[in-house]
Amino acid sequence: MLTYAIVIFAIAAIGGLILAMHVLRGKFAPWALSLGHAVLGAAGLVLLILIALQGAGASRLLAALGILVVAALGGFFLASFHLRRKLPPKAVVFVHAGVAVVGFLTLLSLLLY
């Protein structure tokens, strides 16, 4: 199940990169891509929660889960700008992406080490 979560987050990251490129160019991202990114992120979080509830909650897994929840909260904040038809601050996009990357790499380290 961990591998599935990592693949889901990797696909979400590709979508996030495309979304960030839109915002950094001063354009609104497509709603369908935004929703797909959010759904994939949520699915990955659900898988991580299920893994943790099964008792396989290594400290790095719980750290990755916590970091990715913080990234998800940043994503909700970014979505609020989208709903108001305003472009979000670029700094917030970078922080959201940076936190998500750290969470993903923490999660990936469970498979590599």
N, C-alpha and C. Protein backbone atom coordinates (compact mmCIF):
# COMPACT_ATOMS: atom_id res chain seq x y z
N MET A 1 0.82 -1.19 0.00
CA MET A 1 0.00 0.00 0.00
C MET A 1 0.88 1.26 0.00
N LEU A 2 2.04 1.18 0.61
CA LEU A 2 2.96 2.31 0.64
C LEU A 2 3.39 2.68 -0.78
N THR A 3 3.66 1.67 -1.59
CA THR A 3 4.06 1.94 -2.97
C THR A 3 2.95 2.66 -3.73
N TYR A 4 1.70 2.24 -3.51
CA TYR A 4 0.58 2.91 -4.16
C TYR A 4 0.50 4.37 -3.74
N ALA A 5 0.69 4.62 -2.46
CA ALA A 5 0.65 6.00 -1.96
C ALA A 5 1.74 6.84 -2.63
N ILE A 6 2.93 6.28 -2.74
CA ILE A 6 4.04 7.02 -3.36
C ILE A 6 3.74 7.31 -4.83
N VAL A 7 3.19 6.34 -5.54
CA VAL A 7 2.85 6.55 -6.96
C VAL A 7 1.76 7.62 -7.08
N ILE A 8 0.76 7.57 -6.22
CA ILE A 8 -0.31 8.56 -6.25
C ILE A 8 0.23 9.96 -5.99
N PHE A 9 1.10 10.09 -4.98
CA PHE A 9 1.69 11.39 -4.69
C PHE A 9 2.59 11.87 -5.83
N ALA A 10 3.27 10.95 -6.49
CA ALA A 10 4.13 11.33 -7.62
C ALA A 10 3.29 11.88 -8.77
N ILE A 11 2.17 11.25 -9.05
CA ILE A 11 1.28 11.74 -10.11
C ILE A 11 0.70 13.10 -9.70
N ALA A 12 0.32 13.22 -8.43
CA ALA A 12 -0.19 14.51 -7.93
C ALA A 12 0.88 15.60 -8.06
N ALA A 13 2.13 15.23 -7.84
CA ALA A 13 3.22 16.20 -7.94
C ALA A 13 3.39 16.71 -9.36
N ILE A 14 3.22 15.83 -10.33
CA ILE A 14 3.30 16.26 -11.73
C ILE A 14 2.20 17.28 -12.02
N GLY A 15 1.00 16.98 -11.56
CA GLY A 15 -0.10 17.94 -11.72
C GLY A 15 0.18 19.24 -10.99
N GLY A 16 0.76 19.14 -9.80
CA GLY A 16 1.11 20.33 -9.04
C GLY A 16 2.14 21.19 -9.74
N LEU A 17 3.07 20.55 -10.40
CA LEU A 17 4.09 21.29 -11.16
C LEU A 17 3.44 22.08 -12.30
N ILE A 18 2.50 21.46 -12.98
CA ILE A 18 1.79 22.15 -14.06
C ILE A 18 0.97 23.30 -13.50
N LEU A 19 0.30 23.06 -12.37
CA LEU A 19 -0.47 24.13 -11.72
C LEU A 19 0.42 25.29 -11.33
N ALA A 20 1.56 24.99 -10.75
CA ALA A 20 2.48 26.04 -10.32
C ALA A 20 2.99 26.84 -11.51
N MET A 21 3.25 26.17 -12.62
CA MET A 21 3.73 26.89 -13.80
C MET A 21 2.68 27.89 -14.28
N HIS A 22 1.41 27.50 -14.22
CA HIS A 22 0.35 28.43 -14.60
C HIS A 22 0.38 29.67 -13.71
N VAL A 23 0.40 29.44 -12.41
CA VAL A 23 0.36 30.56 -11.45
C VAL A 23 1.59 31.44 -11.59
N LEU A 24 2.75 30.83 -11.75
CA LEU A 24 3.98 31.61 -11.85
C LEU A 24 4.02 32.43 -13.14
N ARG A 25 3.25 32.03 -14.12
CA ARG A 25 3.13 32.81 -15.36
C ARG A 25 2.00 33.82 -15.30
N GLY A 26 1.33 33.89 -14.15
CA GLY A 26 0.24 34.86 -13.98
C GLY A 26 -1.07 34.43 -14.60
N LYS A 27 -1.26 33.12 -14.75
CA LYS A 27 -2.49 32.59 -15.35
C LYS A 27 -3.22 31.71 -14.34
N PHE A 28 -4.52 31.60 -14.53
CA PHE A 28 -5.29 30.69 -13.69
C PHE A 28 -5.10 29.26 -14.20
N ALA A 29 -4.97 28.36 -13.28
CA ALA A 29 -4.83 26.95 -13.63
C ALA A 29 -6.21 26.38 -13.96
N PRO A 30 -6.27 25.37 -14.81
CA PRO A 30 -7.55 24.74 -15.13
C PRO A 30 -8.17 24.08 -13.88
N TRP A 31 -9.48 24.27 -13.72
CA TRP A 31 -10.17 23.70 -12.56
C TRP A 31 -10.03 22.18 -12.53
N ALA A 32 -10.16 21.55 -13.68
CA ALA A 32 -10.10 20.08 -13.71
C ALA A 32 -8.76 19.58 -13.17
N LEU A 33 -7.69 20.25 -13.55
CA LEU A 33 -6.37 19.85 -13.07
C LEU A 33 -6.24 20.12 -11.57
N SER A 34 -6.76 21.23 -11.11
CA SER A 34 -6.74 21.55 -9.68
C SER A 34 -7.48 20.49 -8.87
N LEU A 35 -8.66 20.12 -9.36
CA LEU A 35 -9.45 19.11 -8.65
C LEU A 35 -8.76 17.75 -8.69
N GLY A 36 -8.19 17.39 -9.82
CA GLY A 36 -7.47 16.12 -9.91
C GLY A 36 -6.29 16.08 -8.96
N HIS A 37 -5.56 17.17 -8.87
CA HIS A 37 -4.43 17.28 -7.96
C HIS A 37 -4.90 17.10 -6.51
N ALA A 38 -6.01 17.75 -6.18
CA ALA A 38 -6.55 17.66 -4.82
C ALA A 38 -7.04 16.24 -4.51
N VAL A 39 -7.72 15.62 -5.45
CA VAL A 39 -8.23 14.26 -5.23
C VAL A 39 -7.09 13.26 -5.06
N LEU A 40 -6.06 13.39 -5.87
CA LEU A 40 -4.92 12.49 -5.74
C LEU A 40 -4.21 12.70 -4.41
N GLY A 41 -4.03 13.95 -4.03
CA GLY A 41 -3.40 14.24 -2.73
C GLY A 41 -4.20 13.67 -1.58
N ALA A 42 -5.52 13.83 -1.65
CA ALA A 42 -6.38 13.29 -0.59
C ALA A 42 -6.33 11.77 -0.56
N ALA A 43 -6.32 11.14 -1.73
CA ALA A 43 -6.23 9.68 -1.80
C ALA A 43 -4.92 9.18 -1.19
N GLY A 44 -3.84 9.88 -1.49
CA GLY A 44 -2.55 9.51 -0.90
C GLY A 44 -2.56 9.65 0.61
N LEU A 45 -3.16 10.72 1.10
CA LEU A 45 -3.25 10.90 2.56
C LEU A 45 -4.08 9.81 3.21
N VAL A 46 -5.19 9.43 2.56
CA VAL A 46 -6.03 8.36 3.11
C VAL A 46 -5.24 7.06 3.18
N LEU A 47 -4.49 6.75 2.14
CA LEU A 47 -3.67 5.54 2.18
C LEU A 47 -2.65 5.59 3.31
N LEU A 48 -2.01 6.74 3.51
CA LEU A 48 -1.04 6.86 4.59
C LEU A 48 -1.70 6.70 5.95
N ILE A 49 -2.88 7.25 6.10
CA ILE A 49 -3.61 7.10 7.37
C ILE A 49 -3.95 5.64 7.61
N LEU A 50 -4.39 4.94 6.56
CA LEU A 50 -4.71 3.51 6.70
C LEU A 50 -3.47 2.71 7.08
N ILE A 51 -2.34 3.03 6.48
CA ILE A 51 -1.10 2.34 6.82
C ILE A 51 -0.75 2.59 8.28
N ALA A 52 -0.87 3.82 8.71
CA ALA A 52 -0.55 4.16 10.10
C ALA A 52 -1.51 3.47 11.07
N LEU A 53 -2.79 3.37 10.70
CA LEU A 53 -3.77 2.72 11.57
C LEU A 53 -3.56 1.21 11.67
N GLN A 54 -2.90 0.63 10.68
CA GLN A 54 -2.60 -0.80 10.71
C GLN A 54 -1.43 -1.11 11.62
N GLY A 55 -0.86 -0.08 12.20
CA GLY A 55 0.25 -0.30 13.12
C GLY A 55 1.60 -0.27 12.45
N ALA A 56 1.62 0.05 11.17
CA ALA A 56 2.89 0.12 10.46
C ALA A 56 3.41 1.55 10.50
N GLY A 57 3.11 2.26 11.56
CA GLY A 57 3.44 3.67 11.65
C GLY A 57 4.85 3.93 12.13
N ALA A 58 5.83 3.66 11.28
CA ALA A 58 7.21 4.01 11.60
C ALA A 58 7.29 5.52 11.78
N SER A 59 8.27 5.96 12.50
CA SER A 59 8.36 7.39 12.79
C SER A 59 8.47 8.22 11.51
N ARG A 60 9.17 7.72 10.50
CA ARG A 60 9.28 8.47 9.24
C ARG A 60 7.94 8.52 8.52
N LEU A 61 7.14 7.45 8.62
CA LEU A 61 5.82 7.45 8.00
C LEU A 61 4.95 8.52 8.65
N LEU A 62 4.97 8.55 9.98
CA LEU A 62 4.17 9.54 10.69
C LEU A 62 4.67 10.96 10.41
N ALA A 63 5.97 11.12 10.29
CA ALA A 63 6.53 12.44 9.95
C ALA A 63 6.07 12.85 8.55
N ALA A 64 6.16 11.93 7.60
CA ALA A 64 5.72 12.22 6.23
C ALA A 64 4.24 12.58 6.21
N LEU A 65 3.45 11.82 6.95
CA LEU A 65 2.01 12.10 7.02
C LEU A 65 1.76 13.50 7.56
N GLY A 66 2.43 13.84 8.63
CA GLY A 66 2.26 15.17 9.22
C GLY A 66 2.67 16.28 8.27
N ILE A 67 3.79 16.10 7.60
CA ILE A 67 4.28 17.11 6.66
C ILE A 67 3.31 17.25 5.49
N LEU A 68 2.81 16.12 4.99
CA LEU A 68 1.88 16.17 3.86
C LEU A 68 0.52 16.75 4.25
N VAL A 69 0.12 16.58 5.50
CA VAL A 69 -1.11 17.23 5.96
C VAL A 69 -0.92 18.74 5.97
N VAL A 70 0.24 19.20 6.40
CA VAL A 70 0.54 20.64 6.35
C VAL A 70 0.51 21.13 4.90
N ALA A 71 1.07 20.35 3.99
CA ALA A 71 1.04 20.73 2.57
C ALA A 71 -0.41 20.79 2.07
N ALA A 72 -1.24 19.85 2.51
CA ALA A 72 -2.65 19.84 2.11
C ALA A 72 -3.37 21.10 2.61
N LEU A 73 -3.05 21.51 3.82
CA LEU A 73 -3.65 22.74 4.35
C LEU A 73 -3.23 23.93 3.49
N GLY A 74 -1.99 23.95 3.07
CA GLY A 74 -1.53 25.00 2.15
C GLY A 74 -2.28 24.92 0.83
N GLY A 75 -2.58 23.71 0.39
CA GLY A 75 -3.34 23.53 -0.85
C GLY A 75 -4.76 24.08 -0.72
N PHE A 76 -5.38 23.87 0.45
CA PHE A 76 -6.70 24.45 0.68
C PHE A 76 -6.64 25.97 0.62
N PHE A 77 -5.58 26.54 1.19
CA PHE A 77 -5.41 27.99 1.16
C PHE A 77 -5.26 28.47 -0.29
N LEU A 78 -4.48 27.75 -1.08
CA LEU A 78 -4.32 28.11 -2.48
C LEU A 78 -5.65 27.98 -3.24
N ALA A 79 -6.41 26.95 -2.93
CA ALA A 79 -7.70 26.75 -3.59
C ALA A 79 -8.67 27.89 -3.26
N SER A 80 -8.53 28.45 -2.06
CA SER A 80 -9.41 29.56 -1.70
C SER A 80 -9.18 30.77 -2.61
N PHE A 81 -7.96 30.96 -3.07
CA PHE A 81 -7.69 32.03 -4.03
C PHE A 81 -8.36 31.72 -5.36
N HIS A 82 -8.25 30.47 -5.76
CA HIS A 82 -8.85 30.04 -7.02
C HIS A 82 -10.36 30.28 -7.00
N LEU A 83 -10.99 29.93 -5.88
CA LEU A 83 -12.43 30.12 -5.75
C LEU A 83 -12.83 31.60 -5.83
N ARG A 84 -11.96 32.46 -5.35
CA ARG A 84 -12.23 33.91 -5.38
C ARG A 84 -11.76 34.56 -6.66
N ARG A 85 -11.30 33.72 -7.61
CA ARG A 85 -10.81 34.20 -8.91
C ARG A 85 -9.66 35.20 -8.76
N LYS A 86 -8.77 34.91 -7.82
CA LYS A 86 -7.57 35.72 -7.62
C LYS A 86 -6.36 34.80 -7.73
N LEU A 87 -5.30 35.33 -8.25
CA LEU A 87 -4.06 34.55 -8.31
C LEU A 87 -3.42 34.56 -6.92
N PRO A 88 -2.97 33.41 -6.46
CA PRO A 88 -2.34 33.37 -5.14
C PRO A 88 -0.95 33.98 -5.18
N PRO A 89 -0.45 34.41 -4.02
CA PRO A 89 0.93 34.90 -3.98
C PRO A 89 1.90 33.78 -4.38
N LYS A 90 2.88 34.14 -5.17
CA LYS A 90 3.84 33.14 -5.64
C LYS A 90 4.61 32.52 -4.49
N ALA A 91 4.85 33.28 -3.43
CA ALA A 91 5.56 32.75 -2.27
C ALA A 91 4.79 31.60 -1.65
N VAL A 92 3.47 31.70 -1.61
CA VAL A 92 2.65 30.64 -1.03
C VAL A 92 2.74 29.38 -1.89
N VAL A 93 2.77 29.57 -3.21
CA VAL A 93 2.92 28.43 -4.12
C VAL A 93 4.25 27.72 -3.85
N PHE A 94 5.32 28.50 -3.68
CA PHE A 94 6.63 27.90 -3.42
C PHE A 94 6.66 27.18 -2.07
N VAL A 95 6.05 27.76 -1.06
CA VAL A 95 6.03 27.12 0.27
C VAL A 95 5.23 25.82 0.21
N HIS A 96 4.06 25.86 -0.43
CA HIS A 96 3.23 24.65 -0.56
C HIS A 96 4.01 23.56 -1.28
N ALA A 97 4.65 23.91 -2.39
CA ALA A 97 5.41 22.93 -3.16
C ALA A 97 6.60 22.40 -2.36
N GLY A 98 7.29 23.29 -1.67
CA GLY A 98 8.45 22.87 -0.89
C GLY A 98 8.08 21.91 0.23
N VAL A 99 7.01 22.22 0.94
CA VAL A 99 6.56 21.34 2.03
C VAL A 99 6.14 19.99 1.45
N ALA A 100 5.43 20.01 0.33
CA ALA A 100 4.99 18.76 -0.30
C ALA A 100 6.18 17.91 -0.74
N VAL A 101 7.20 18.54 -1.29
CA VAL A 101 8.39 17.81 -1.73
C VAL A 101 9.10 17.18 -0.54
N VAL A 102 9.22 17.92 0.55
CA VAL A 102 9.87 17.37 1.75
C VAL A 102 9.06 16.17 2.26
N GLY A 103 7.74 16.30 2.29
CA GLY A 103 6.90 15.17 2.73
C GLY A 103 7.04 13.98 1.82
N PHE A 104 7.05 14.22 0.51
CA PHE A 104 7.19 13.13 -0.46
C PHE A 104 8.54 12.44 -0.30
N LEU A 105 9.61 13.22 -0.18
CA LEU A 105 10.93 12.61 -0.03
C LEU A 105 11.05 11.84 1.28
N THR A 106 10.42 12.33 2.33
CA THR A 106 10.40 11.60 3.61
C THR A 106 9.69 10.27 3.42
N LEU A 107 8.58 10.29 2.70
CA LEU A 107 7.84 9.07 2.43
C LEU A 107 8.65 8.12 1.55
N LEU A 108 9.27 8.66 0.53
CA LEU A 108 10.08 7.86 -0.39
C LEU A 108 11.25 7.20 0.34
N SER A 109 11.76 7.86 1.35
CA SER A 109 12.89 7.28 2.10
C SER A 109 12.52 5.97 2.78
N LEU A 110 11.23 5.75 3.02
CA LEU A 110 10.81 4.48 3.61
C LEU A 110 11.06 3.31 2.66
N LEU A 111 10.98 3.56 1.38
CA LEU A 111 11.24 2.48 0.40
C LEU A 111 12.71 2.34 0.11
N LEU A 112 13.45 3.43 0.20
CA LEU A 112 14.85 3.40 -0.21
C LEU A 112 15.82 3.01 0.90
N TYR A 113 15.42 3.17 2.16
CA TYR A 113 16.33 2.87 3.26
C TYR A 113 15.72 1.91 4.24
